[in-house]
Structure formats: C-alpha cells, structure tokens
C-alpha cells in the first residue's frame, strides 16, 4: 500500500472512531480535495491527502483557495503524524 493510501486510511479510521464521517469526495470538478470530513456539532472540513513531500498541483491550489474564500477549512495532510493535528483542528472549528 502506497504511503498516501496509508495516511488516508488512518484519517478515515480516526474520524470514524470519533463517530464522524470521512467520505471520499468524488466530483466532476478537477482538483477538489480527496476527503470530506464531518464531525459532531456541524464540524466540516476538506482534506487533500498527499504522500510525504508532495505539494498541491496548481489546480488544487485554486480549488483550495475557492473553498477557503467560501469559509470552508481545507487541510493538506502528508504524514500519519499530522492526522491527529488535523482532526483536532477540525474539532475546534
């Protein structure tokens, strides 16, 4: 299993353990983040999962900016160690 897949699987597992949903976000729009994470009390964020050291493509940067301009939180997750950090941030929204 590729490192990116392992990071994504851990994110899904941890969100589910908290009673939340971590849906794969399939869209006809290119560049949208990989996951839509939903937690209790209306906490919602988009998460783009990358392999360690990978960076966003230009279209992903554009989509991230568009979502953030609408007030959504968008995280880029590139390590297992950052999974808990991202989840804690989503919970504090």
PDB file of N, CA and C in Angstrom:
ATOM      1  N   UNK A   1       0.848  -1.184   0.000  1.00  0.00           N
ATOM      2  CA  UNK A   1       0.000   0.000   0.000  1.00  0.00           C
ATOM      3  C   UNK A   1       0.891   1.242   0.000  1.00  0.00           C
ATOM      4  N   UNK A   2       0.603   2.167  -0.904  1.00  0.00           N
ATOM      5  CA  UNK A   2       1.376   3.401  -1.002  1.00  0.00           C
ATOM      6  C   UNK A   2       1.207   4.232   0.266  1.00  0.00           C
ATOM      7  N   UNK A   3       2.204   5.036   0.561  1.00  0.00           N
ATOM      8  CA  UNK A   3       2.176   5.851   1.786  1.00  0.00           C
ATOM      9  C   UNK A   3       0.959   6.769   1.829  1.00  0.00           C
ATOM     10  N   UNK A   4       0.597   7.352   0.705  1.00  0.00           N
ATOM     11  CA  UNK A   4      -0.579   8.226   0.657  1.00  0.00           C
ATOM     12  C   UNK A   4      -1.835   7.459   1.071  1.00  0.00           C
ATOM     13  N   UNK A   5      -1.956   6.228   0.599  1.00  0.00           N
ATOM     14  CA  UNK A   5      -3.123   5.403   0.945  1.00  0.00           C
ATOM     15  C   UNK A   5      -3.147   5.065   2.427  1.00  0.00           C
ATOM     16  N   UNK A   6      -1.976   4.857   3.007  1.00  0.00           N
ATOM     17  CA  UNK A   6      -1.895   4.555   4.442  1.00  0.00           C
ATOM     18  C   UNK A   6      -2.323   5.762   5.278  1.00  0.00           C
ATOM     19  N   UNK A   7      -1.904   6.937   4.857  1.00  0.00           N
ATOM     20  CA  UNK A   7      -2.282   8.167   5.565  1.00  0.00           C
ATOM     21  C   UNK A   7      -3.790   8.364   5.469  1.00  0.00           C
ATOM     22  N   UNK A   8      -4.327   8.176   4.270  1.00  0.00           N
ATOM     23  CA  UNK A   8      -5.765   8.344   4.062  1.00  0.00           C
ATOM     24  C   UNK A   8      -6.567   7.333   4.879  1.00  0.00           C
ATOM     25  N   UNK A   9      -6.109   6.084   4.916  1.00  0.00           N
ATOM     26  CA  UNK A   9      -6.801   5.043   5.689  1.00  0.00           C
ATOM     27  C   UNK A   9      -6.809   5.381   7.177  1.00  0.00           C
ATOM     28  N   UNK A  10      -5.710   5.920   7.681  1.00  0.00           N
ATOM     29  CA  UNK A  10      -5.640   6.300   9.099  1.00  0.00           C
ATOM     30  C   UNK A  10      -6.600   7.455   9.382  1.00  0.00           C
ATOM     31  N   UNK A  11      -6.664   8.425   8.490  1.00  0.00           N
ATOM     32  CA  UNK A  11      -7.606   9.541   8.656  1.00  0.00           C
ATOM     33  C   UNK A  11      -9.038   9.019   8.754  1.00  0.00           C
ATOM     34  N   UNK A  12      -9.417   8.151   7.825  1.00  0.00           N
ATOM     35  CA  UNK A  12     -10.770   7.597   7.810  1.00  0.00           C
ATOM     36  C   UNK A  12     -11.047   6.835   9.108  1.00  0.00           C
ATOM     37  N   UNK A  13     -10.108   6.017   9.525  1.00  0.00           N
ATOM     38  CA  UNK A  13     -10.264   5.213  10.743  1.00  0.00           C
ATOM     39  C   UNK A  13     -10.465   6.098  11.979  1.00  0.00           C
ATOM     40  N   UNK A  14      -9.650   7.144  12.096  1.00  0.00           N
ATOM     41  CA  UNK A  14      -9.728   8.014  13.275  1.00  0.00           C
ATOM     42  C   UNK A  14     -11.022   8.838  13.296  1.00  0.00           C
ATOM     43  N   UNK A  15     -11.439   9.336  12.129  1.00  0.00           N
ATOM     44  CA  UNK A  15     -12.688  10.099  12.065  1.00  0.00           C
ATOM     45  C   UNK A  15     -13.859   9.192  12.440  1.00  0.00           C
ATOM     46  N   UNK A  16     -13.875   7.981  11.904  1.00  0.00           N
ATOM     47  CA  UNK A  16     -14.949   7.027  12.225  1.00  0.00           C
ATOM     48  C   UNK A  16     -14.955   6.688  13.704  1.00  0.00           C
ATOM     49  N   UNK A  17     -13.772   6.562  14.311  1.00  0.00           N
ATOM     50  CA  UNK A  17     -13.668   6.243  15.735  1.00  0.00           C
ATOM     51  C   UNK A  17     -14.288   7.341  16.594  1.00  0.00           C
ATOM     52  N   UNK A  18     -14.322   8.554  16.063  1.00  0.00           N
ATOM     53  CA  UNK A  18     -14.926   9.677  16.779  1.00  0.00           C
ATOM     54  C   UNK A  18     -16.420   9.803  16.485  1.00  0.00           C
ATOM     55  N   UNK A  19     -16.948   8.866  15.707  1.00  0.00           N
ATOM     56  CA  UNK A  19     -18.362   8.894  15.368  1.00  0.00           C
ATOM     57  C   UNK A  19     -18.682   9.778  14.182  1.00  0.00           C
ATOM     58  N   UNK A  20     -17.658  10.182  13.455  1.00  0.00           N
ATOM     59  CA  UNK A  20     -17.851  11.055  12.308  1.00  0.00           C
ATOM     60  C   UNK A  20     -17.864  10.298  10.997  1.00  0.00           C
ATOM     61  N   UNK A  21     -17.941  11.062   9.931  1.00  0.00           N
ATOM     62  CA  UNK A  21     -17.922  10.518   8.577  1.00  0.00           C
ATOM     63  C   UNK A  21     -16.727  11.108   7.843  1.00  0.00           C
ATOM     64  N   UNK A  22     -16.098  10.295   7.027  1.00  0.00           N
ATOM     65  CA  UNK A  22     -14.952  10.758   6.245  1.00  0.00           C
ATOM     66  C   UNK A  22     -15.127  10.217   4.835  1.00  0.00           C
ATOM     67  N   UNK A  23     -15.925  10.934   4.073  1.00  0.00           N
ATOM     68  CA  UNK A  23     -16.302  10.468   2.749  1.00  0.00           C
ATOM     69  C   UNK A  23     -15.272  10.812   1.698  1.00  0.00           C
ATOM     70  N   UNK A  24     -15.064   9.854   0.793  1.00  0.00           N
ATOM     71  CA  UNK A  24     -14.261  10.120  -0.395  1.00  0.00           C
ATOM     72  C   UNK A  24     -15.070  11.107  -1.223  1.00  0.00           C
ATOM     73  N   UNK A  25     -14.465  12.206  -1.595  1.00  0.00           N
ATOM     74  CA  UNK A  25     -15.183  13.253  -2.304  1.00  0.00           C
ATOM     75  C   UNK A  25     -14.937  13.104  -3.796  1.00  0.00           C
ATOM     76  N   UNK A  26     -15.915  12.542  -4.487  1.00  0.00           N
ATOM     77  CA  UNK A  26     -15.822  12.364  -5.929  1.00  0.00           C
ATOM     78  C   UNK A  26     -16.594  13.490  -6.595  1.00  0.00           C
ATOM     79  N   UNK A  27     -15.928  14.189  -7.484  1.00  0.00           N
ATOM     80  CA  UNK A  27     -16.554  15.334  -8.127  1.00  0.00           C
ATOM     81  C   UNK A  27     -16.176  15.374  -9.600  1.00  0.00           C
ATOM     82  N   UNK A  28     -17.035  15.955 -10.388  1.00  0.00           N
ATOM     83  CA  UNK A  28     -16.708  16.154 -11.801  1.00  0.00           C
ATOM     84  C   UNK A  28     -15.782  17.362 -11.966  1.00  0.00           C
ATOM     85  N   UNK A  29     -15.544  18.071 -10.875  1.00  0.00           N
ATOM     86  CA  UNK A  29     -14.658  19.238 -10.895  1.00  0.00           C
ATOM     87  C   UNK A  29     -13.242  18.778 -10.551  1.00  0.00           C
ATOM     88  N   UNK A  30     -12.310  19.084 -11.411  1.00  0.00           N
ATOM     89  CA  UNK A  30     -10.915  18.684 -11.214  1.00  0.00           C
ATOM     90  C   UNK A  30     -10.290  19.483 -10.070  1.00  0.00           C
ATOM     91  N   UNK A  31      -9.499  18.801  -9.244  1.00  0.00           N
ATOM     92  CA  UNK A  31      -8.710  19.475  -8.226  1.00  0.00           C
ATOM     93  C   UNK A  31      -9.345  19.624  -6.867  1.00  0.00           C
ATOM     94  N   UNK A  32     -10.562  19.073  -6.682  1.00  0.00           N
ATOM     95  CA  UNK A  32     -11.172  19.180  -5.355  1.00  0.00           C
ATOM     96  C   UNK A  32     -10.464  18.234  -4.378  1.00  0.00           C
ATOM     97  N   UNK A  33     -10.478  18.544  -3.088  1.00  0.00           N
ATOM     98  CA  UNK A  33      -9.801  17.694  -2.102  1.00  0.00           C
ATOM     99  C   UNK A  33     -10.355  16.264  -2.072  1.00  0.00           C
ATOM    100  N   UNK A  34      -9.526  15.338  -1.592  1.00  0.00           N
ATOM    101  CA  UNK A  34      -9.848  13.905  -1.565  1.00  0.00           C
ATOM    102  C   UNK A  34     -10.999  13.548  -0.629  1.00  0.00           C
ATOM    103  N   UNK A  35     -11.017  14.169   0.540  1.00  0.00           N
ATOM    104  CA  UNK A  35     -11.943  13.738   1.598  1.00  0.00           C
ATOM    105  C   UNK A  35     -12.773  14.891   2.134  1.00  0.00           C
ATOM    106  N   UNK A  36     -14.005  14.544   2.479  1.00  0.00           N
ATOM    107  CA  UNK A  36     -14.914  15.455   3.157  1.00  0.00           C
ATOM    108  C   UNK A  36     -15.097  14.877   4.557  1.00  0.00           C
ATOM    109  N   UNK A  37     -14.613  15.577   5.557  1.00  0.00           N
ATOM    110  CA  UNK A  37     -14.649  15.083   6.937  1.00  0.00           C
ATOM    111  C   UNK A  37     -15.736  15.818   7.711  1.00  0.00           C
ATOM    112  N   UNK A  38     -16.622  15.030   8.307  1.00  0.00           N
ATOM    113  CA  UNK A  38     -17.765  15.576   9.041  1.00  0.00           C
ATOM    114  C   UNK A  38     -17.747  15.036  10.468  1.00  0.00           C
ATOM    115  N   UNK A  39     -17.757  15.952  11.425  1.00  0.00           N
ATOM    116  CA  UNK A  39     -17.765  15.569  12.835  1.00  0.00           C
ATOM    117  C   UNK A  39     -18.978  16.176  13.516  1.00  0.00           C
ATOM    118  N   UNK A  40     -19.221  15.727  14.745  1.00  0.00           N
ATOM    119  CA  UNK A  40     -20.370  16.198  15.519  1.00  0.00           C
ATOM    120  C   UNK A  40     -20.405  17.718  15.627  1.00  0.00           C
ATOM    121  N   UNK A  41     -21.595  18.231  15.852  1.00  0.00           N
ATOM    122  CA  UNK A  41     -21.858  19.664  16.024  1.00  0.00           C
ATOM    123  C   UNK A  41     -21.555  20.464  14.760  1.00  0.00           C
ATOM    124  N   UNK A  42     -21.728  19.833  13.599  1.00  0.00           N
ATOM    125  CA  UNK A  42     -21.594  20.542  12.334  1.00  0.00           C
ATOM    126  C   UNK A  42     -20.183  20.888  11.915  1.00  0.00           C
ATOM    127  N   UNK A  43     -19.206  20.204  12.460  1.00  0.00           N
ATOM    128  CA  UNK A  43     -17.811  20.464  12.100  1.00  0.00           C
ATOM    129  C   UNK A  43     -17.549  19.807  10.743  1.00  0.00           C
ATOM    130  N   UNK A  44     -17.054  20.577   9.785  1.00  0.00           N
ATOM    131  CA  UNK A  44     -16.818  20.070   8.446  1.00  0.00           C
ATOM    132  C   UNK A  44     -15.524  20.649   7.876  1.00  0.00           C
ATOM    133  N   UNK A  45     -14.782  19.812   7.170  1.00  0.00           N
ATOM    134  CA  UNK A  45     -13.555  20.279   6.527  1.00  0.00           C
ATOM    135  C   UNK A  45     -13.235  19.377   5.341  1.00  0.00           C
ATOM    136  N   UNK A  46     -12.495  19.929   4.418  1.00  0.00           N
ATOM    137  CA  UNK A  46     -11.994  19.185   3.280  1.00  0.00           C
ATOM    138  C   UNK A  46     -10.537  18.826   3.559  1.00  0.00           C
ATOM    139  N   UNK A  47     -10.126  17.625   3.150  1.00  0.00           N
ATOM    140  CA  UNK A  47      -8.745  17.198   3.360  1.00  0.00           C
ATOM    141  C   UNK A  47      -8.192  16.631   2.061  1.00  0.00           C
ATOM    142  N   UNK A  48      -7.072  17.185   1.633  1.00  0.00           N
ATOM    143  CA  UNK A  48      -6.331  16.658   0.495  1.00  0.00           C
ATOM    144  C   UNK A  48      -5.182  15.831   1.070  1.00  0.00           C
ATOM    145  N   UNK A  49      -5.124  14.571   0.702  1.00  0.00           N
ATOM    146  CA  UNK A  49      -4.081  13.679   1.214  1.00  0.00           C
ATOM    147  C   UNK A  49      -2.977  13.566   0.161  1.00  0.00           C
ATOM    148  N   UNK A  50      -1.754  13.742   0.616  1.00  0.00           N
ATOM    149  CA  UNK A  50      -0.583  13.667  -0.248  1.00  0.00           C
ATOM    150  C   UNK A  50       0.447  12.722   0.357  1.00  0.00           C
ATOM    151  N   UNK A  51       1.283  12.167  -0.489  1.00  0.00           N
ATOM    152  CA  UNK A  51       2.428  11.403   0.004  1.00  0.00           C
ATOM    153  C   UNK A  51       3.399  12.394   0.639  1.00  0.00           C
ATOM    154  N   UNK A  52       4.223  11.929   1.583  1.00  0.00           N
ATOM    155  CA  UNK A  52       5.181  12.837   2.226  1.00  0.00           C
ATOM    156  C   UNK A  52       6.021  13.590   1.191  1.00  0.00           C
ATOM    157  N   UNK A  53       6.070  14.907   1.380  1.00  0.00           N
ATOM    158  CA  UNK A  53       6.874  15.743   0.496  1.00  0.00           C
ATOM    159  C   UNK A  53       6.181  16.210  -0.773  1.00  0.00           C
ATOM    160  N   UNK A  54       5.033  15.637  -1.094  1.00  0.00           N
ATOM    161  CA  UNK A  54       4.304  16.079  -2.288  1.00  0.00           C
ATOM    162  C   UNK A  54       3.639  17.420  -2.016  1.00  0.00           C
ATOM    163  N   UNK A  55       3.474  18.203  -3.068  1.00  0.00           N
ATOM    164  CA  UNK A  55       2.821  19.510  -2.945  1.00  0.00           C
ATOM    165  C   UNK A  55       1.581  19.539  -3.821  1.00  0.00           C
ATOM    166  N   UNK A  56       0.715  20.495  -3.562  1.00  0.00           N
ATOM    167  CA  UNK A  56      -0.504  20.652  -4.340  1.00  0.00           C
ATOM    168  C   UNK A  56      -0.179  21.061  -5.778  1.00  0.00           C
ATOM    169  N   UNK A  57      -0.942  20.526  -6.716  1.00  0.00           N
ATOM    170  CA  UNK A  57      -0.849  20.962  -8.110  1.00  0.00           C
ATOM    171  C   UNK A  57      -1.531  22.327  -8.218  1.00  0.00           C
ATOM    172  N   UNK A  58      -1.223  23.100  -9.256  1.00  0.00           N
ATOM    173  CA  UNK A  58      -1.841  24.422  -9.395  1.00  0.00           C
ATOM    174  C   UNK A  58      -3.367  24.397  -9.326  1.00  0.00           C
ATOM    175  N   UNK A  59      -4.028  23.434  -9.956  1.00  0.00           N
ATOM    176  CA  UNK A  59      -5.493  23.376  -9.909  1.00  0.00           C
ATOM    177  C   UNK A  59      -5.984  23.080  -8.494  1.00  0.00           C
ATOM    178  N   UNK A  60      -5.218  22.294  -7.730  1.00  0.00           N
ATOM    179  CA  UNK A  60      -5.586  22.013  -6.342  1.00  0.00           C
ATOM    180  C   UNK A  60      -5.436  23.265  -5.478  1.00  0.00           C
ATOM    181  N   UNK A  61      -4.426  24.052  -5.750  1.00  0.00           N
ATOM    182  CA  UNK A  61      -4.246  25.320  -5.032  1.00  0.00           C
ATOM    183  C   UNK A  61      -5.435  26.235  -5.313  1.00  0.00           C
ATOM    184  N   UNK A  62      -5.855  26.281  -6.567  1.00  0.00           N
ATOM    185  CA  UNK A  62      -7.002  27.101  -6.942  1.00  0.00           C
ATOM    186  C   UNK A  62      -8.268  26.642  -6.218  1.00  0.00           C
ATOM    187  N   UNK A  63      -8.536  25.321  -6.205  1.00  0.00           N
ATOM    188  CA  UNK A  63      -9.740  24.801  -5.542  1.00  0.00           C
ATOM    189  C   UNK A  63      -9.687  25.055  -4.034  1.00  0.00           C
ATOM    190  N   UNK A  64      -8.511  24.878  -3.447  1.00  0.00           N
ATOM    191  CA  UNK A  64      -8.348  25.130  -2.009  1.00  0.00           C
ATOM    192  C   UNK A  64      -8.702  26.590  -1.703  1.00  0.00           C
ATOM    193  N   UNK A  65      -8.185  27.495  -2.508  1.00  0.00           N
ATOM    194  CA  UNK A  65      -8.459  28.921  -2.313  1.00  0.00           C
ATOM    195  C   UNK A  65      -9.958  29.208  -2.483  1.00  0.00           C
ATOM    196  N   UNK A  66     -10.585  28.622  -3.492  1.00  0.00           N
ATOM    197  CA  UNK A  66     -12.018  28.837  -3.701  1.00  0.00           C
ATOM    198  C   UNK A  66     -12.837  28.398  -2.491  1.00  0.00           C
ATOM    199  N   UNK A  67     -12.524  27.219  -1.965  1.00  0.00           N
ATOM    200  CA  UNK A  67     -13.245  26.703  -0.804  1.00  0.00           C
ATOM    201  C   UNK A  67     -13.007  27.580   0.422  1.00  0.00           C
ATOM    202  N   UNK A  68     -11.764  27.989   0.617  1.00  0.00           N
ATOM    203  CA  UNK A  68     -11.433  28.832   1.770  1.00  0.00           C
ATOM    204  C   UNK A  68     -12.115  30.200   1.664  1.00  0.00           C
ATOM    205  N   UNK A  69     -12.234  30.728   0.458  1.00  0.00           N
ATOM    206  CA  UNK A  69     -12.918  32.011   0.281  1.00  0.00           C
ATOM    207  C   UNK A  69     -14.402  31.922   0.641  1.00  0.00           C
ATOM    208  N   UNK A  70     -14.962  30.708   0.569  1.00  0.00           N
ATOM    209  CA  UNK A  70     -16.350  30.483   0.972  1.00  0.00           C
ATOM    210  C   UNK A  70     -16.478  30.190   2.464  1.00  0.00           C
ATOM    211  N   UNK A  71     -15.338  30.143   3.154  1.00  0.00           N
ATOM    212  CA  UNK A  71     -15.351  29.937   4.593  1.00  0.00           C
ATOM    213  C   UNK A  71     -15.096  28.516   5.054  1.00  0.00           C
ATOM    214  N   UNK A  72     -14.780  27.618   4.125  1.00  0.00           N
ATOM    215  CA  UNK A  72     -14.501  26.230   4.500  1.00  0.00           C
ATOM    216  C   UNK A  72     -13.037  26.062   4.884  1.00  0.00           C
ATOM    217  N   UNK A  73     -12.790  25.138   5.781  1.00  0.00           N
ATOM    218  CA  UNK A  73     -11.423  24.774   6.146  1.00  0.00           C
ATOM    219  C   UNK A  73     -10.949  23.697   5.178  1.00  0.00           C
ATOM    220  N   UNK A  74      -9.729  23.843   4.688  1.00  0.00           N
ATOM    221  CA  UNK A  74      -9.129  22.871   3.779  1.00  0.00           C
ATOM    222  C   UNK A  74      -7.732  22.554   4.309  1.00  0.00           C
ATOM    223  N   UNK A  75      -7.481  21.274   4.522  1.00  0.00           N
ATOM    224  CA  UNK A  75      -6.195  20.839   5.057  1.00  0.00           C
ATOM    225  C   UNK A  75      -5.464  19.977   4.041  1.00  0.00           C
ATOM    226  N   UNK A  76      -4.149  20.081   4.055  1.00  0.00           N
ATOM    227  CA  UNK A  76      -3.299  19.214   3.248  1.00  0.00           C
ATOM    228  C   UNK A  76      -2.587  18.306   4.241  1.00  0.00           C
ATOM    229  N   UNK A  77      -2.786  17.018   4.080  1.00  0.00           N
ATOM    230  CA  UNK A  77      -2.283  16.023   5.025  1.00  0.00           C
ATOM    231  C   UNK A  77      -1.251  15.154   4.321  1.00  0.00           C
ATOM    232  N   UNK A  78       0.002  15.189   4.803  1.00  0.00           N
ATOM    233  CA  UNK A  78       1.053  14.427   4.124  1.00  0.00           C
ATOM    234  C   UNK A  78       1.872  13.523   5.050  1.00  0.00           C
ATOM    235  N   UNK A  79       1.325  13.256   6.238  1.00  0.00           N
ATOM    236  CA  UNK A  79       2.004  12.308   7.131  1.00  0.00           C
ATOM    237  C   UNK A  79       1.015  11.744   8.148  1.00  0.00           C
ATOM    238  N   UNK A  80       1.300  10.545   8.615  1.00  0.00           N
ATOM    239  CA  UNK A  80       0.451   9.930   9.639  1.00  0.00           C
ATOM    240  C   UNK A  80       0.475  10.754  10.921  1.00  0.00           C
ATOM    241  N   UNK A  81       1.616  11.360  11.199  1.00  0.00           N
ATOM    242  CA  UNK A  81       1.764  12.136  12.424  1.00  0.00           C
ATOM    243  C   UNK A  81       0.852  13.360  12.444  1.00  0.00           C
ATOM    244  N   UNK A  82       0.497  13.867  11.280  1.00  0.00           N
ATOM    245  CA  UNK A  82      -0.352  15.062  11.207  1.00  0.00           C
ATOM    246  C   UNK A  82      -1.848  14.748  11.271  1.00  0.00           C
ATOM    247  N   UNK A  83      -2.212  13.463  11.228  1.00  0.00           N
ATOM    248  CA  UNK A  83      -3.629  13.088  11.243  1.00  0.00           C
ATOM    249  C   UNK A  83      -4.318  13.644  12.485  1.00  0.00           C
ATOM    250  N   UNK A  84      -3.750  13.424  13.650  1.00  0.00           N
ATOM    251  CA  UNK A  84      -4.366  13.901  14.892  1.00  0.00           C
ATOM    252  C   UNK A  84      -4.408  15.421  14.948  1.00  0.00           C
ATOM    253  N   UNK A  85      -3.388  16.075  14.412  1.00  0.00           N
ATOM    254  CA  UNK A  85      -3.355  17.536  14.390  1.00  0.00           C
ATOM    255  C   UNK A  85      -4.519  18.063  13.560  1.00  0.00           C
ATOM    256  N   UNK A  86      -4.721  17.483  12.380  1.00  0.00           N
ATOM    257  CA  UNK A  86      -5.819  17.904  11.505  1.00  0.00           C
ATOM    258  C   UNK A  86      -7.170  17.646  12.173  1.00  0.00           C
ATOM    259  N   UNK A  87      -7.330  16.472  12.761  1.00  0.00           N
ATOM    260  CA  UNK A  87      -8.602  16.155  13.430  1.00  0.00           C
ATOM    261  C   UNK A  87      -8.863  17.120  14.575  1.00  0.00           C
ATOM    262  N   UNK A  88      -7.850  17.424  15.372  1.00  0.00           N
ATOM    263  CA  UNK A  88      -8.026  18.372  16.470  1.00  0.00           C
ATOM    264  C   UNK A  88      -8.425  19.747  15.952  1.00  0.00           C
ATOM    265  N   UNK A  89      -7.854  20.159  14.837  1.00  0.00           N
ATOM    266  CA  UNK A  89      -8.205  21.448  14.255  1.00  0.00           C
ATOM    267  C   UNK A  89      -9.645  21.462  13.762  1.00  0.00           C
ATOM    268  N   UNK A  90     -10.066  20.363  13.130  1.00  0.00           N
ATOM    269  CA  UNK A  90     -11.455  20.273  12.665  1.00  0.00           C
ATOM    270  C   UNK A  90     -12.419  20.341  13.852  1.00  0.00           C
ATOM    271  N   UNK A  91     -12.074  19.647  14.927  1.00  0.00           N
ATOM    272  CA  UNK A  91     -12.935  19.655  16.116  1.00  0.00           C
ATOM    273  C   UNK A  91     -13.025  21.042  16.743  1.00  0.00           C
ATOM    274  N   UNK A  92     -12.016  21.879  16.530  1.00  0.00           N
ATOM    275  CA  UNK A  92     -12.019  23.208  17.161  1.00  0.00           C
ATOM    276  C   UNK A  92     -12.676  24.277  16.293  1.00  0.00           C
ATOM    277  N   UNK A  93     -13.165  23.901  15.123  1.00  0.00           N
ATOM    278  CA  UNK A  93     -13.811  24.869  14.216  1.00  0.00           C
ATOM    279  C   UNK A  93     -15.058  25.416  14.905  1.00  0.00           C
TER     280      UNK A  93
END
